[in-house]
Amino acid sequence: MGESAMDKAKGKAKEMAGKATGNERLKSEGKVDQAKSDARNAADKARGKAEGMRDSLTDDK
């Protein structure tokens, strides 16, 4: 499980705990953790695509 997936799972657990206990702060923290995970995934995906494009442009075939 990658760091991003762990953040997503941690965020979901916090959100559920917040909902179960009525703790809005914990619920919000969970949503923030999940959003950070989604942002990290998007950045990693974009980085991978950029590297692929760079490699295809510099490939000496």
N, C-alpha and C. Protein backbone atom coordinates (compact mmCIF):
# COMPACT_ATOMS: atom_id res chain seq x y z
N MET A 1 0.86 -1.18 0.00
CA MET A 1 0.00 0.00 0.00
C MET A 1 0.90 1.23 0.00
N GLY A 2 0.71 2.11 -0.98
CA GLY A 2 1.52 3.31 -1.09
C GLY A 2 1.15 4.35 -0.05
N GLU A 3 2.01 5.35 0.04
CA GLU A 3 1.79 6.42 1.01
C GLU A 3 0.46 7.13 0.76
N SER A 4 0.14 7.33 -0.51
CA SER A 4 -1.10 8.01 -0.86
C SER A 4 -2.32 7.18 -0.45
N ALA A 5 -2.25 5.89 -0.69
CA ALA A 5 -3.36 5.00 -0.33
C ALA A 5 -3.52 4.94 1.19
N MET A 6 -2.41 4.98 1.90
CA MET A 6 -2.49 4.97 3.37
C MET A 6 -3.13 6.27 3.88
N ASP A 7 -2.77 7.40 3.25
CA ASP A 7 -3.39 8.67 3.64
C ASP A 7 -4.90 8.64 3.38
N LYS A 8 -5.28 8.05 2.26
CA LYS A 8 -6.69 7.97 1.91
C LYS A 8 -7.43 7.11 2.94
N ALA A 9 -6.85 5.97 3.30
CA ALA A 9 -7.48 5.08 4.28
C ALA A 9 -7.55 5.75 5.65
N LYS A 10 -6.47 6.43 6.04
CA LYS A 10 -6.44 7.14 7.32
C LYS A 10 -7.51 8.23 7.33
N GLY A 11 -7.62 8.94 6.23
CA GLY A 11 -8.62 10.01 6.13
C GLY A 11 -10.03 9.48 6.23
N LYS A 12 -10.27 8.36 5.56
CA LYS A 12 -11.61 7.75 5.60
C LYS A 12 -11.94 7.30 7.03
N ALA A 13 -10.95 6.72 7.71
CA ALA A 13 -11.17 6.27 9.09
C ALA A 13 -11.48 7.45 10.00
N LYS A 14 -10.72 8.55 9.82
CA LYS A 14 -10.98 9.75 10.64
C LYS A 14 -12.38 10.30 10.36
N GLU A 15 -12.74 10.34 9.09
CA GLU A 15 -14.06 10.87 8.74
C GLU A 15 -15.17 10.03 9.36
N MET A 16 -15.04 8.71 9.27
CA MET A 16 -16.05 7.82 9.84
C MET A 16 -16.11 7.95 11.36
N ALA A 17 -14.94 8.06 12.00
CA ALA A 17 -14.91 8.22 13.46
C ALA A 17 -15.57 9.55 13.84
N GLY A 18 -15.29 10.58 13.06
CA GLY A 18 -15.90 11.88 13.32
C GLY A 18 -17.41 11.84 13.19
N LYS A 19 -17.88 11.14 12.15
CA LYS A 19 -19.33 11.01 11.95
C LYS A 19 -19.95 10.23 13.11
N ALA A 20 -19.29 9.14 13.52
CA ALA A 20 -19.84 8.28 14.57
C ALA A 20 -19.91 8.99 15.92
N THR A 21 -18.94 9.86 16.17
CA THR A 21 -18.89 10.53 17.48
C THR A 21 -19.47 11.94 17.46
N GLY A 22 -19.83 12.42 16.26
CA GLY A 22 -20.36 13.77 16.15
C GLY A 22 -19.26 14.83 16.25
N ASN A 23 -18.01 14.44 16.03
CA ASN A 23 -16.87 15.33 16.12
C ASN A 23 -16.60 15.92 14.73
N GLU A 24 -17.06 17.14 14.51
CA GLU A 24 -16.93 17.79 13.21
C GLU A 24 -15.47 18.03 12.84
N ARG A 25 -14.62 18.33 13.81
CA ARG A 25 -13.22 18.59 13.54
C ARG A 25 -12.53 17.34 12.99
N LEU A 26 -12.78 16.21 13.62
CA LEU A 26 -12.20 14.95 13.17
C LEU A 26 -12.72 14.58 11.79
N LYS A 27 -13.99 14.79 11.58
CA LYS A 27 -14.61 14.52 10.28
C LYS A 27 -13.95 15.38 9.19
N SER A 28 -13.73 16.65 9.50
CA SER A 28 -13.09 17.55 8.55
C SER A 28 -11.64 17.16 8.28
N GLU A 29 -10.92 16.78 9.33
CA GLU A 29 -9.54 16.33 9.16
C GLU A 29 -9.48 15.13 8.22
N GLY A 30 -10.43 14.24 8.36
CA GLY A 30 -10.48 13.06 7.49
C GLY A 30 -10.69 13.46 6.04
N LYS A 31 -11.56 14.41 5.80
CA LYS A 31 -11.80 14.87 4.43
C LYS A 31 -10.55 15.54 3.86
N VAL A 32 -9.84 16.29 4.69
CA VAL A 32 -8.60 16.95 4.24
C VAL A 32 -7.55 15.89 3.89
N ASP A 33 -7.41 14.87 4.72
CA ASP A 33 -6.44 13.81 4.44
C ASP A 33 -6.77 13.12 3.11
N GLN A 34 -8.04 12.90 2.85
CA GLN A 34 -8.44 12.27 1.60
C GLN A 34 -8.16 13.18 0.41
N ALA A 35 -8.39 14.46 0.57
CA ALA A 35 -8.12 15.41 -0.51
C ALA A 35 -6.62 15.48 -0.80
N LYS A 36 -5.80 15.44 0.26
CA LYS A 36 -4.34 15.43 0.06
C LYS A 36 -3.92 14.20 -0.72
N SER A 37 -4.52 13.08 -0.40
CA SER A 37 -4.22 11.83 -1.10
C SER A 37 -4.59 11.94 -2.57
N ASP A 38 -5.75 12.48 -2.85
CA ASP A 38 -6.18 12.65 -4.24
C ASP A 38 -5.25 13.59 -4.99
N ALA A 39 -4.83 14.66 -4.34
CA ALA A 39 -3.91 15.61 -4.97
C ALA A 39 -2.56 14.96 -5.25
N ARG A 40 -2.08 14.16 -4.31
CA ARG A 40 -0.81 13.47 -4.50
C ARG A 40 -0.91 12.48 -5.66
N ASN A 41 -2.03 11.77 -5.75
CA ASN A 41 -2.24 10.84 -6.86
C ASN A 41 -2.23 11.57 -8.20
N ALA A 42 -2.92 12.70 -8.26
CA ALA A 42 -2.97 13.48 -9.50
C ALA A 42 -1.59 13.99 -9.89
N ALA A 43 -0.83 14.46 -8.92
CA ALA A 43 0.52 14.96 -9.19
C ALA A 43 1.43 13.83 -9.68
N ASP A 44 1.33 12.67 -9.05
CA ASP A 44 2.14 11.53 -9.47
C ASP A 44 1.78 11.08 -10.89
N LYS A 45 0.50 11.10 -11.18
CA LYS A 45 0.04 10.72 -12.52
C LYS A 45 0.55 11.71 -13.56
N ALA A 46 0.45 13.00 -13.27
CA ALA A 46 0.93 14.03 -14.19
C ALA A 46 2.45 13.92 -14.37
N ARG A 47 3.16 13.66 -13.29
CA ARG A 47 4.61 13.51 -13.37
C ARG A 47 4.97 12.33 -14.27
N GLY A 48 4.25 11.24 -14.11
CA GLY A 48 4.51 10.07 -14.94
C GLY A 48 4.26 10.34 -16.42
N LYS A 49 3.19 11.05 -16.70
CA LYS A 49 2.89 11.38 -18.09
C LYS A 49 3.94 12.31 -18.67
N ALA A 50 4.38 13.29 -17.89
CA ALA A 50 5.39 14.23 -18.35
C ALA A 50 6.71 13.49 -18.62
N GLU A 51 7.06 12.58 -17.74
CA GLU A 51 8.29 11.81 -17.95
C GLU A 51 8.19 10.95 -19.20
N GLY A 52 7.02 10.38 -19.41
CA GLY A 52 6.80 9.56 -20.61
C GLY A 52 6.93 10.40 -21.88
N MET A 53 6.37 11.59 -21.86
CA MET A 53 6.47 12.48 -23.02
C MET A 53 7.93 12.89 -23.24
N ARG A 54 8.61 13.22 -22.17
CA ARG A 54 10.02 13.60 -22.28
C ARG A 54 10.83 12.46 -22.87
N ASP A 55 10.58 11.26 -22.38
CA ASP A 55 11.32 10.09 -22.87
C ASP A 55 11.03 9.83 -24.35
N SER A 56 9.78 10.03 -24.77
CA SER A 56 9.45 9.78 -26.16
C SER A 56 10.06 10.83 -27.08
N LEU A 57 10.27 12.03 -26.56
CA LEU A 57 10.88 13.09 -27.37
C LEU A 57 12.40 12.95 -27.45
N THR A 58 13.00 12.36 -26.44
CA THR A 58 14.45 12.24 -26.43
C THR A 58 14.93 10.85 -26.82
N ASP A 59 14.00 9.97 -27.16
CA ASP A 59 14.35 8.60 -27.55
C ASP A 59 15.12 8.63 -28.87
N ASP A 60 16.29 8.02 -28.90
CA ASP A 60 17.12 7.98 -30.10
C ASP A 60 16.98 6.59 -30.76
N LYS A 61 15.88 6.40 -31.43
CA LYS A 61 15.63 5.11 -32.10
C LYS A 61 16.05 5.15 -33.53
